[in-house]
Amino acid sequence: MLTVSKTELEAKLFEYLREVETSGDEVVVTDGGVPVARIVPVCNGLSVDEAFADLRGRLQWTRDLDGPTVDEWHDP
């Protein structure tokens, strides 16, 4: 994570945006040493396996994932 002042960000905005894009790290923007904003990547490109790796083997689903869900919806 990088920390940069608003003044520095204004002077080198494109460099910091490129850094966020290439590294995937966030940039914290400060004003007078106080954090005021974060610049984060929109998507860090994780695969499904990477995104849910910590859950692998810990969850178990016993219902048909492709089955209808009409039982969950009741008419008023």
C-alpha atoms as a PDB file:
ATOM      1  CA  MET A   1       0.000   0.000   0.000  1.00  0.00           C
ATOM      2  CA  LEU A   2       1.310   3.390  -1.002  1.00  0.00           C
ATOM      3  CA  THR A   3       0.550   6.616   0.843  1.00  0.00           C
ATOM      4  CA  VAL A   4       0.659   9.911  -1.015  1.00  0.00           C
ATOM      5  CA  SER A   5      -0.378  13.489  -0.310  1.00  0.00           C
ATOM      6  CA  LYS A   6      -3.031  15.194  -2.419  1.00  0.00           C
ATOM      7  CA  THR A   7      -0.360  17.517  -3.801  1.00  0.00           C
ATOM      8  CA  GLU A   8       1.889  14.629  -4.850  1.00  0.00           C
ATOM      9  CA  LEU A   9      -1.082  12.777  -6.345  1.00  0.00           C
ATOM     10  CA  GLU A  10      -2.038  15.806  -8.399  1.00  0.00           C
ATOM     11  CA  ALA A  11       1.492  16.077  -9.779  1.00  0.00           C
ATOM     12  CA  LYS A  12       1.869  12.372 -10.626  1.00  0.00           C
ATOM     13  CA  LEU A  13      -1.695  11.090 -10.993  1.00  0.00           C
ATOM     14  CA  PHE A  14      -1.061   8.923 -14.042  1.00  0.00           C
ATOM     15  CA  GLU A  15       1.972   7.274 -12.446  1.00  0.00           C
ATOM     16  CA  TYR A  16      -0.048   6.313  -9.370  1.00  0.00           C
ATOM     17  CA  LEU A  17      -2.958   5.058 -11.455  1.00  0.00           C
ATOM     18  CA  ARG A  18      -0.557   2.903 -13.459  1.00  0.00           C
ATOM     19  CA  GLU A  19       0.916   1.558 -10.204  1.00  0.00           C
ATOM     20  CA  VAL A  20      -2.548   0.569  -8.941  1.00  0.00           C
ATOM     21  CA  GLU A  21      -3.328  -1.033 -12.283  1.00  0.00           C
ATOM     22  CA  THR A  22      -0.120  -3.056 -12.551  1.00  0.00           C
ATOM     23  CA  SER A  23       0.483  -4.029  -8.919  1.00  0.00           C
ATOM     24  CA  GLY A  24      -3.096  -4.323  -7.682  1.00  0.00           C
ATOM     25  CA  ASP A  25      -2.105  -2.419  -4.543  1.00  0.00           C
ATOM     26  CA  GLU A  26      -4.101   0.501  -3.240  1.00  0.00           C
ATOM     27  CA  VAL A  27      -2.978   4.100  -2.836  1.00  0.00           C
ATOM     28  CA  VAL A  28      -4.065   6.026   0.247  1.00  0.00           C
ATOM     29  CA  VAL A  29      -4.380   9.761  -0.333  1.00  0.00           C
ATOM     30  CA  THR A  30      -3.706  12.091   2.595  1.00  0.00           C
ATOM     31  CA  ASP A  31      -4.435  15.707   3.359  1.00  0.00           C
ATOM     32  CA  GLY A  32      -2.199  17.110   6.053  1.00  0.00           C
ATOM     33  CA  GLY A  33      -1.158  13.578   6.964  1.00  0.00           C
ATOM     34  CA  VAL A  34      -4.771  12.452   7.475  1.00  0.00           C
ATOM     35  CA  PRO A  35      -6.097   9.748   5.115  1.00  0.00           C
ATOM     36  CA  VAL A  36      -8.968  11.106   3.014  1.00  0.00           C
ATOM     37  CA  ALA A  37      -9.337   8.666   0.110  1.00  0.00           C
ATOM     38  CA  ARG A  38      -8.208   5.355  -1.317  1.00  0.00           C
ATOM     39  CA  ILE A  39      -7.533   4.454  -4.917  1.00  0.00           C
ATOM     40  CA  VAL A  40      -8.110   0.738  -5.426  1.00  0.00           C
ATOM     41  CA  PRO A  41      -8.197  -1.461  -8.510  1.00  0.00           C
ATOM     42  CA  VAL A  42     -11.678  -2.195  -9.831  1.00  0.00           C
ATOM     43  CA  CYS A  43     -10.834  -5.847 -10.289  1.00  0.00           C
ATOM     44  CA  ASN A  44      -7.670  -7.550  -9.208  1.00  0.00           C
ATOM     45  CA  GLY A  45      -8.191 -10.420 -11.632  1.00  0.00           C
ATOM     46  CA  LEU A  46      -8.669 -13.256  -9.168  1.00  0.00           C
ATOM     47  CA  SER A  47      -9.914 -16.496 -10.624  1.00  0.00           C
ATOM     48  CA  VAL A  48     -12.884 -18.214  -9.003  1.00  0.00           C
ATOM     49  CA  ASP A  49     -10.506 -20.757  -7.467  1.00  0.00           C
ATOM     50  CA  GLU A  50      -8.339 -17.995  -5.985  1.00  0.00           C
ATOM     51  CA  ALA A  51     -11.303 -15.989  -4.700  1.00  0.00           C
ATOM     52  CA  PHE A  52     -12.843 -18.944  -2.872  1.00  0.00           C
ATOM     53  CA  ALA A  53      -9.677 -20.850  -1.949  1.00  0.00           C
ATOM     54  CA  ASP A  54     -10.151 -20.263   1.778  1.00  0.00           C
ATOM     55  CA  LEU A  55     -13.602 -21.906   1.620  1.00  0.00           C
ATOM     56  CA  ARG A  56     -12.561 -25.019  -0.297  1.00  0.00           C
ATOM     57  CA  GLY A  57     -13.398 -28.109   1.724  1.00  0.00           C
ATOM     58  CA  ARG A  58     -15.225 -26.114   4.407  1.00  0.00           C
ATOM     59  CA  LEU A  59     -18.648 -25.797   2.766  1.00  0.00           C
ATOM     60  CA  GLN A  60     -21.093 -28.488   1.831  1.00  0.00           C
ATOM     61  CA  TRP A  61     -24.260 -27.976  -0.211  1.00  0.00           C
ATOM     62  CA  THR A  62     -26.787 -30.792  -0.175  1.00  0.00           C
ATOM     63  CA  ARG A  63     -29.475 -29.392  -2.478  1.00  0.00           C
ATOM     64  CA  ASP A  64     -29.655 -29.329  -6.262  1.00  0.00           C
ATOM     65  CA  LEU A  65     -28.021 -26.053  -7.294  1.00  0.00           C
ATOM     66  CA  ASP A  66     -29.896 -26.115 -10.591  1.00  0.00           C
ATOM     67  CA  GLY A  67     -33.262 -26.946  -9.034  1.00  0.00           C
ATOM     68  CA  PRO A  68     -36.212 -24.521  -8.884  1.00  0.00           C
ATOM     69  CA  THR A  69     -36.486 -22.088  -6.023  1.00  0.00           C
ATOM     70  CA  VAL A  70     -40.259 -21.587  -6.129  1.00  0.00           C
ATOM     71  CA  ASP A  71     -40.633 -22.908  -2.579  1.00  0.00           C
ATOM     72  CA  GLU A  72     -38.791 -19.817  -1.346  1.00  0.00           C
ATOM     73  CA  TRP A  73     -41.336 -17.408  -2.852  1.00  0.00           C
ATOM     74  CA  HIS A  74     -44.791 -17.067  -1.412  1.00  0.00           C
ATOM     75  CA  ASP A  75     -47.698 -15.221  -2.982  1.00  0.00           C
ATOM     76  CA  PRO A  76     -48.997 -12.397  -0.776  1.00  0.00           C
END
